[in-house]
Protein backbone atom coordinates (compact mmCIF):
# COMPACT_ATOMS: atom_id res chain seq x y z
CA MET A 1 -0.12 0.00 -0.08
CA SER A 2 1.42 3.41 -1.11
CA ALA A 3 1.85 6.01 1.51
CA THR A 4 -0.58 9.04 1.97
CA PRO A 5 0.29 11.72 -0.50
CA PRO A 6 1.51 14.75 1.09
CA GLY A 7 -1.06 17.66 1.35
CA ARG A 8 -4.06 15.32 0.63
CA LEU A 9 -6.11 16.59 3.47
CA MET A 10 -5.27 20.36 2.93
CA SER A 11 -6.09 19.87 -0.76
CA GLY A 12 -9.29 18.31 -0.20
CA GLU A 13 -10.58 20.78 2.35
CA MET A 14 -9.78 23.74 -0.04
CA ALA A 15 -11.93 21.90 -2.55
CA GLU A 16 -14.66 21.73 -0.17
CA GLN A 17 -15.14 25.68 0.19
CA PRO A 18 -17.65 26.27 -2.55
CA ALA A 19 -19.94 23.57 -0.87
CA VAL A 20 -19.34 25.06 2.58
CA LEU A 21 -20.25 28.50 1.19
CA ARG A 22 -23.45 27.13 -0.34
CA ARG A 23 -24.50 25.37 2.81
CA LEU A 24 -23.87 28.53 4.77
CA LEU A 25 -26.09 30.50 2.40
CA THR A 26 -28.94 28.12 2.63
CA GLU A 27 -28.95 26.47 5.95
CA GLY A 28 -26.86 28.94 8.04
CA ALA A 29 -28.36 32.27 6.72
CA PRO A 30 -31.69 32.16 8.32
CA ARG A 31 -30.28 31.20 11.69
CA ILE A 32 -27.71 34.00 11.63
CA ARG A 33 -30.27 36.47 10.87
CA ASP A 34 -32.34 35.27 13.58
CA VAL A 35 -29.18 35.45 16.17
CA ALA A 36 -28.38 39.00 14.55
CA ALA A 37 -31.94 40.45 15.07
CA ARG A 38 -31.98 39.15 18.76
CA ILE A 39 -28.67 40.81 19.34
CA ALA A 40 -29.70 44.09 17.71
CA ALA A 41 -32.58 44.26 19.91
CA ARG A 42 -30.17 44.53 22.88
CA ARG A 43 -28.79 47.75 21.02
CA PRO A 44 -25.08 47.32 21.84
CA ARG A 45 -23.08 50.55 21.35
CA PHE A 46 -19.74 49.11 20.71
CA VAL A 47 -18.14 45.74 19.68
CA LEU A 48 -15.15 43.74 20.93
CA LEU A 49 -13.75 40.71 18.91
CA THR A 50 -11.83 38.19 20.46
CA ALA A 51 -9.96 35.45 18.58
CA ARG A 52 -6.39 33.86 17.94
CA GLY A 53 -4.46 32.83 14.74
CA THR A 54 -6.60 32.30 11.72
CA SER A 55 -9.69 33.20 13.36
CA ASP A 56 -8.18 36.46 14.39
CA ASN A 57 -7.64 37.46 10.71
CA ALA A 58 -11.33 36.76 10.30
CA ALA A 59 -12.00 39.03 13.33
CA LEU A 60 -9.86 41.68 11.63
CA TYR A 61 -12.18 41.31 8.66
CA ALA A 62 -15.28 41.68 10.99
CA LYS A 63 -13.81 44.89 12.49
CA TYR A 64 -13.68 46.59 9.13
CA LEU A 65 -17.20 45.57 8.39
CA ILE A 66 -18.63 46.63 11.68
CA GLU A 67 -16.89 50.16 11.62
CA ILE A 68 -17.75 50.84 7.86
CA VAL A 69 -21.37 49.08 7.61
CA LEU A 70 -22.71 49.63 11.11
CA GLY A 71 -20.51 52.75 12.09
CA LYS A 72 -20.04 51.30 15.41
CA PRO A 73 -16.69 51.61 17.44
CA CYS A 74 -14.85 48.17 17.25
CA GLY A 75 -11.82 46.68 18.78
CA LEU A 76 -9.71 43.41 18.93
CA THR A 77 -9.21 42.39 22.60
CA SER A 78 -6.08 41.53 24.38
CA MET A 79 -7.35 38.50 26.25
CA SER A 80 -4.39 38.45 28.67
CA THR A 81 -5.89 41.82 30.38
CA THR A 82 -8.27 39.50 31.79
CA THR A 83 -7.05 36.11 31.81
CA ALA A 84 -3.37 36.98 33.15
CA TYR A 85 -3.82 40.34 34.73
CA GLY A 86 -7.37 39.91 36.14
CA ALA A 87 -8.83 43.29 34.74
CA THR A 88 -12.60 43.67 35.24
CA PRO A 89 -13.78 46.05 32.64
CA ASP A 90 -17.31 47.39 32.50
CA LEU A 91 -18.70 45.82 29.40
CA THR A 92 -22.42 47.13 29.67
CA ASP A 93 -23.95 47.75 26.22
CA CYS A 94 -21.03 45.95 24.58
CA LEU A 95 -21.28 43.06 22.02
CA VAL A 96 -18.34 40.73 22.42
CA VAL A 97 -17.96 38.38 19.61
CA ALA A 98 -15.48 35.38 20.12
CA VAL A 99 -14.28 33.72 16.77
CA SER A 100 -12.81 30.26 17.00
CA GLN A 101 -12.91 27.15 14.60
CA SER A 102 -12.63 24.73 17.53
CA GLY A 103 -14.08 26.87 20.55
CA GLY A 104 -11.64 24.80 22.62
CA SER A 105 -8.86 27.40 23.66
CA PRO A 106 -9.17 28.22 27.27
CA ASP A 107 -8.05 31.74 27.06
CA LEU A 108 -11.12 32.35 24.76
CA VAL A 109 -13.56 30.71 27.05
CA ALA A 110 -12.27 32.41 30.07
CA SER A 111 -12.33 35.96 28.32
CA THR A 112 -15.90 35.28 27.05
CA THR A 113 -16.97 33.98 30.36
CA ALA A 114 -15.39 37.39 31.95
CA ALA A 115 -17.04 39.48 29.36
CA ARG A 116 -20.47 37.89 29.98
CA ALA A 117 -19.98 38.64 33.78
CA ALA A 118 -18.97 42.27 32.95
CA GLY A 119 -22.20 42.89 31.55
CA ALA A 120 -21.47 42.15 27.73
CA VAL A 121 -23.73 40.43 25.07
CA THR A 122 -21.58 37.44 24.19
CA LEU A 123 -21.59 35.71 20.78
CA ALA A 124 -19.41 32.68 19.77
CA VAL A 125 -18.55 32.20 16.04
CA THR A 126 -17.49 28.51 15.59
CA ASN A 127 -17.16 25.27 13.69
CA ASN A 128 -18.03 23.24 16.77
CA GLY A 129 -21.47 23.71 18.32
CA ASP A 130 -20.40 21.40 21.28
CA SER A 131 -17.54 23.27 22.55
CA PRO A 132 -16.71 25.01 25.79
CA LEU A 133 -16.77 28.45 24.00
CA VAL A 134 -20.23 27.90 22.92
CA ARG A 135 -21.37 27.08 26.40
CA ALA A 136 -19.62 30.28 27.79
CA ALA A 137 -21.52 32.60 25.39
CA GLU A 138 -24.98 33.80 25.22
CA PHE A 139 -25.49 33.30 21.61
CA HIS A 140 -23.99 30.98 19.04
CA ILE A 141 -23.26 30.83 15.04
CA ASP A 142 -22.18 27.76 13.62
CA VAL A 143 -20.11 28.16 10.30
CA LEU A 144 -20.94 24.73 9.26
CA ALA A 145 -17.88 23.99 7.63
CA GLY A 146 -17.71 20.32 8.79
CA PRO A 147 -14.80 18.46 10.28
CA GLU A 148 -11.23 19.90 9.42
CA ARG A 149 -8.33 17.59 9.70
CA ALA A 150 -5.76 19.60 7.93
CA LEU A 151 -3.66 21.81 10.39
CA PRO A 152 -3.71 24.58 8.01
CA ALA A 153 -7.27 26.04 8.47
CA THR A 154 -8.82 26.92 4.94
CA LYS A 155 -12.48 26.20 4.67
CA THR A 156 -13.22 27.34 8.34
CA TYR A 157 -11.64 30.73 7.26
CA THR A 158 -13.64 31.33 4.44
CA ALA A 159 -16.66 30.03 6.25
CA GLU A 160 -16.00 32.50 9.17
CA LEU A 161 -15.53 35.37 6.61
CA LEU A 162 -19.20 34.62 5.13
CA ALA A 163 -20.89 34.12 8.54
CA LEU A 164 -19.51 37.20 9.81
CA TYR A 165 -20.61 39.19 6.83
CA LEU A 166 -24.00 37.66 7.29
CA LEU A 167 -24.06 38.66 10.93
CA VAL A 168 -23.14 42.17 10.36
CA GLN A 169 -25.76 42.54 7.62
CA GLY A 170 -28.21 40.97 10.00
CA LEU A 171 -27.38 43.42 12.63
CA ARG A 172 -28.54 46.27 10.55
CA GLY A 173 -31.69 44.64 9.64
CA ALA A 174 -30.66 43.43 6.11
CA ASP A 175 -30.39 40.12 4.31
CA GLY A 176 -26.75 39.55 3.18
CA ALA A 177 -27.49 36.28 1.36
CA PRO A 178 -28.32 37.80 -2.01
CA ALA A 179 -25.35 39.83 -2.38
CA ALA A 180 -23.18 36.75 -1.48
CA GLY A 181 -25.05 34.37 -3.82
CA ARG A 182 -22.40 34.30 -6.52
CA LEU A 183 -19.60 33.27 -4.14
CA PRO A 184 -19.89 29.64 -4.36
CA GLY A 185 -19.86 29.56 -8.10
CA LEU A 186 -16.84 31.96 -8.24
CA ALA A 187 -14.91 30.29 -5.59
CA GLU A 188 -15.16 27.04 -7.80
CA ALA A 189 -13.79 29.00 -10.78
CA VAL A 190 -10.95 30.28 -8.74
CA LEU A 191 -9.99 26.87 -7.25
CA ALA A 192 -10.07 25.23 -10.64
CA ARG A 193 -7.05 27.50 -11.67
CA ARG A 194 -4.57 25.38 -10.08
CA ASP A 195 -2.06 25.54 -12.79
CA GLU A 196 -1.50 29.19 -12.60
CA ILE A 197 -1.00 28.96 -8.95
CA ARG A 198 1.58 26.20 -9.45
CA ARG A 199 3.49 28.50 -11.83
CA LEU A 200 3.38 31.34 -9.45
CA ALA A 201 4.78 29.10 -6.63
CA ALA A 202 7.93 28.42 -8.58
CA ARG A 203 8.90 31.97 -7.91
CA TYR A 204 9.02 31.36 -4.22
CA ARG A 205 10.50 27.73 -3.90
CA PHE A 206 13.89 29.25 -2.63
CA ALA A 207 12.69 32.39 -1.08
CA GLN A 208 14.02 33.55 2.08
CA ARG A 209 11.39 35.80 3.02
CA MET A 210 8.19 37.37 1.69
CA VAL A 211 6.31 40.43 2.14
CA LEU A 212 2.32 40.74 1.76
CA THR A 213 0.52 43.97 1.69
CA SER A 214 -3.02 45.35 1.16
CA ARG A 215 -5.50 48.06 2.41
CA GLY A 216 -8.90 48.09 3.74
CA TYR A 217 -10.88 44.75 3.41
CA GLY A 218 -7.91 43.19 1.89
CA TYR A 219 -5.58 43.57 4.90
CA PRO A 220 -7.04 40.65 6.73
CA THR A 221 -6.51 38.57 3.42
CA ALA A 222 -2.62 39.66 3.47
CA LYS A 223 -2.38 38.55 6.96
CA GLU A 224 -4.10 35.25 6.69
CA ALA A 225 -1.92 34.47 3.52
CA ALA A 226 1.30 35.39 5.56
CA LEU A 227 0.12 32.95 8.36
CA LYS A 228 -0.59 30.14 5.83
CA LEU A 229 2.87 30.62 4.25
CA MET A 230 4.68 30.53 7.63
CA GLU A 231 2.77 27.42 8.97
CA THR A 232 3.21 25.20 6.00
CA SER A 233 6.25 26.24 4.15
CA TYR A 234 8.18 28.10 7.00
CA ILE A 235 8.92 30.85 5.15
CA PRO A 236 9.33 34.16 7.05
CA ALA A 237 6.28 36.02 5.63
CA LEU A 238 5.55 39.55 7.03
CA SER A 239 2.16 41.29 6.36
CA TYR A 240 1.59 44.98 6.54
CA SER A 241 -1.06 47.39 5.67
CA GLY A 242 0.22 49.52 2.66
CA ALA A 243 0.19 52.63 4.84
CA ASP A 244 2.29 50.90 7.73
CA LEU A 245 4.61 49.45 4.99
CA LEU A 246 5.67 53.12 3.94
CA HIS A 247 6.22 53.90 7.55
CA GLY A 248 9.71 52.32 7.67
CA PRO A 249 9.38 48.51 6.51
CA LEU A 250 9.58 49.50 2.83
CA ALA A 251 13.33 50.09 3.51
CA MET A 252 13.95 46.25 3.72
CA VAL A 253 12.35 45.78 -0.03
CA ASP A 254 14.66 45.42 -2.88
CA ASN A 255 15.03 44.28 -6.19
CA VAL A 256 15.15 40.73 -5.19
CA SER A 257 12.36 40.83 -2.42
CA PRO A 258 9.11 38.85 -3.09
CA VAL A 259 6.16 41.03 -2.57
CA ILE A 260 2.57 39.81 -2.97
CA ALA A 261 -0.21 42.77 -3.04
CA VAL A 262 -3.71 41.92 -2.41
CA VAL A 263 -5.60 44.52 -4.37
CA PRO A 264 -9.38 44.95 -3.61
CA ASP A 265 -11.60 46.16 -6.36
CA GLY A 266 -12.66 49.34 -4.75
CA ARG A 267 -11.53 51.92 -2.31
CA GLY A 268 -9.02 49.70 -0.80
CA GLY A 269 -7.35 49.00 -4.09
CA THR A 270 -7.24 52.95 -4.70
CA ALA A 271 -5.59 53.60 -1.47
CA LEU A 272 -2.89 51.07 -2.27
CA ARG A 273 -1.84 52.56 -5.73
CA PRO A 274 0.63 54.81 -4.31
CA VAL A 275 2.06 51.73 -2.42
CA LEU A 276 2.35 49.77 -5.64
CA ASP A 277 4.11 52.57 -7.32
CA ARG A 278 6.72 52.80 -4.37
CA LEU A 279 7.33 49.14 -4.59
CA ARG A 280 7.91 49.22 -8.37
CA GLU A 281 10.40 52.04 -7.84
CA ARG A 282 12.27 49.66 -5.50
CA GLY A 283 12.33 47.05 -8.05
CA ALA A 284 10.42 44.37 -5.98
CA ASP A 285 9.38 41.13 -7.25
CA LEU A 286 5.69 42.22 -7.25
CA VAL A 287 2.80 39.71 -7.55
CA VAL A 288 -0.69 41.09 -7.72
CA ILE A 289 -3.63 39.16 -6.37
CA GLY A 290 -6.80 41.09 -7.63
CA PRO A 291 -8.76 42.35 -10.44
CA GLU A 292 -7.49 42.07 -14.04
CA ALA A 293 -6.41 45.67 -14.51
CA ALA A 294 -4.31 45.52 -11.52
CA VAL A 295 -2.69 42.34 -12.49
CA ALA A 296 -1.87 43.64 -15.85
CA ALA A 297 0.19 46.52 -14.47
CA ALA A 298 2.25 44.12 -12.40
CA SER A 299 5.13 41.64 -13.31
CA ALA A 300 2.74 38.77 -12.59
CA GLY A 301 -0.27 37.90 -10.69
CA PHE A 302 -3.58 36.29 -10.44
CA ALA A 303 -6.68 38.04 -11.75
CA LEU A 304 -9.93 37.45 -9.61
CA PRO A 305 -13.44 37.68 -10.94
CA THR A 306 -14.41 40.77 -8.90
CA GLY A 307 -16.95 42.32 -11.31
CA GLY A 308 -20.22 42.65 -9.51
CA VAL A 309 -18.84 41.34 -5.97
CA PRO A 310 -18.89 44.04 -3.38
CA GLU A 311 -15.58 44.99 -2.07
CA GLU A 312 -16.68 43.75 1.36
CA LEU A 313 -17.02 40.11 -0.01
CA GLN A 314 -14.04 39.98 -2.10
CA PRO A 315 -11.86 38.67 0.75
CA VAL A 316 -13.90 35.32 0.41
CA LEU A 317 -12.29 35.17 -3.11
CA GLU A 318 -8.93 36.72 -2.35
CA ILE A 319 -7.72 34.11 0.01
CA LEU A 320 -8.39 31.14 -2.40
CA PRO A 321 -5.36 31.48 -4.66
CA LEU A 322 -3.15 32.26 -1.67
CA GLN A 323 -4.29 29.11 0.15
CA ARG A 324 -3.30 27.11 -2.86
CA LEU A 325 0.00 29.21 -3.03
CA ALA A 326 1.06 27.96 0.29
CA TYR A 327 0.08 24.67 -0.50
CA GLU A 328 2.20 24.41 -3.82
CA VAL A 329 5.21 26.24 -2.31
CA THR A 330 5.25 23.75 0.51
CA LEU A 331 5.07 20.77 -1.87
CA ALA A 332 7.85 22.36 -3.89
CA ARG A 333 9.92 22.74 -0.77
CA GLY A 334 9.78 19.09 -0.04
CA GLN A 335 7.44 19.41 2.82
CA ASP A 336 4.04 18.16 3.80
CA PRO A 337 1.40 21.01 4.25
CA ASP A 338 -0.85 18.75 6.24
CA ALA A 339 1.54 18.30 9.01
CA PRO A 340 3.51 21.45 9.86
CA ARG A 341 6.01 20.94 12.49
CA ALA A 342 5.26 22.04 16.22
CA LEU A 343 1.47 22.78 15.60
CA ALA A 344 -1.64 21.08 17.02
CA LYS A 345 -5.10 21.58 15.58
CA ILE A 346 -6.39 23.09 19.04
CA THR A 347 -3.99 25.48 20.24
CA GLU A 348 -4.57 25.86 24.07
CA THR A 349 -3.40 29.24 25.22
CA SER A 350 -4.12 30.73 28.46
């Protein structure tokens, strides 16, 4: 019997993403609207988001949505303020959203428990309806991604993005499902373009470091792509907002520096243009993930079908070629993306 081929789990779970998105739009959307309506009735004045790792990048995406779409102040929590330092903030009129694939990390459970005791409305967004985090929170949203066995999270990330989008739309009394209806089909089309990604991956087989950058809704994508590259291929991958890149880190970019820019089709992409100009001036090895016009202006890239897709939904598509890129780079470097060293599926931090 032949050995299990490397990357089989990660590849299979990446391929499941269109089906997961469909399931969330059909089975999950009505439940999310109901939860959102019940939370909106409590009239929270501001929002705090709690997460780690991949889920933290999904939470950052939700932060953009909440501030832009809802106009509410929103922050990402530092869990150690309660778990390590024992702080007791007053969270009256606050919505605390804990995002976790497993719902099993002790610090998320402890901080959610503390937030509920401090007067917050608490919501767990997980891929596990029977988890300690769900029991700690008042409300729960299941992202319905199904069991995820590969250590690098792929389908749970895109499911979290869509679930959080539907939640935010529901909080303002809207149904987000129609606007997101094209995502499963577009995701299938993107995932089918494996040969394009394999050719891009050849650029990074011997890379010593990489830089990823974006603005606005694309910034969480850059952070998640950097995480995927680091945990699978072990390449040090640094992610920056385009604005922050210009405030110092640009100095490390030269004519042999691989840079991947996630260019949203919208205001985030417009804001990123001066950054792309500066990168070209530095002679960076620039690859663009974004609309066809942005890719055409770069030395290489992957054109996304962004026409007719609202900017706030494009992150669901943006991450797909970058997940595949991490997978292909890892295989090219002779490693197994299913089994990154020193990692466990449930990371127990406190």
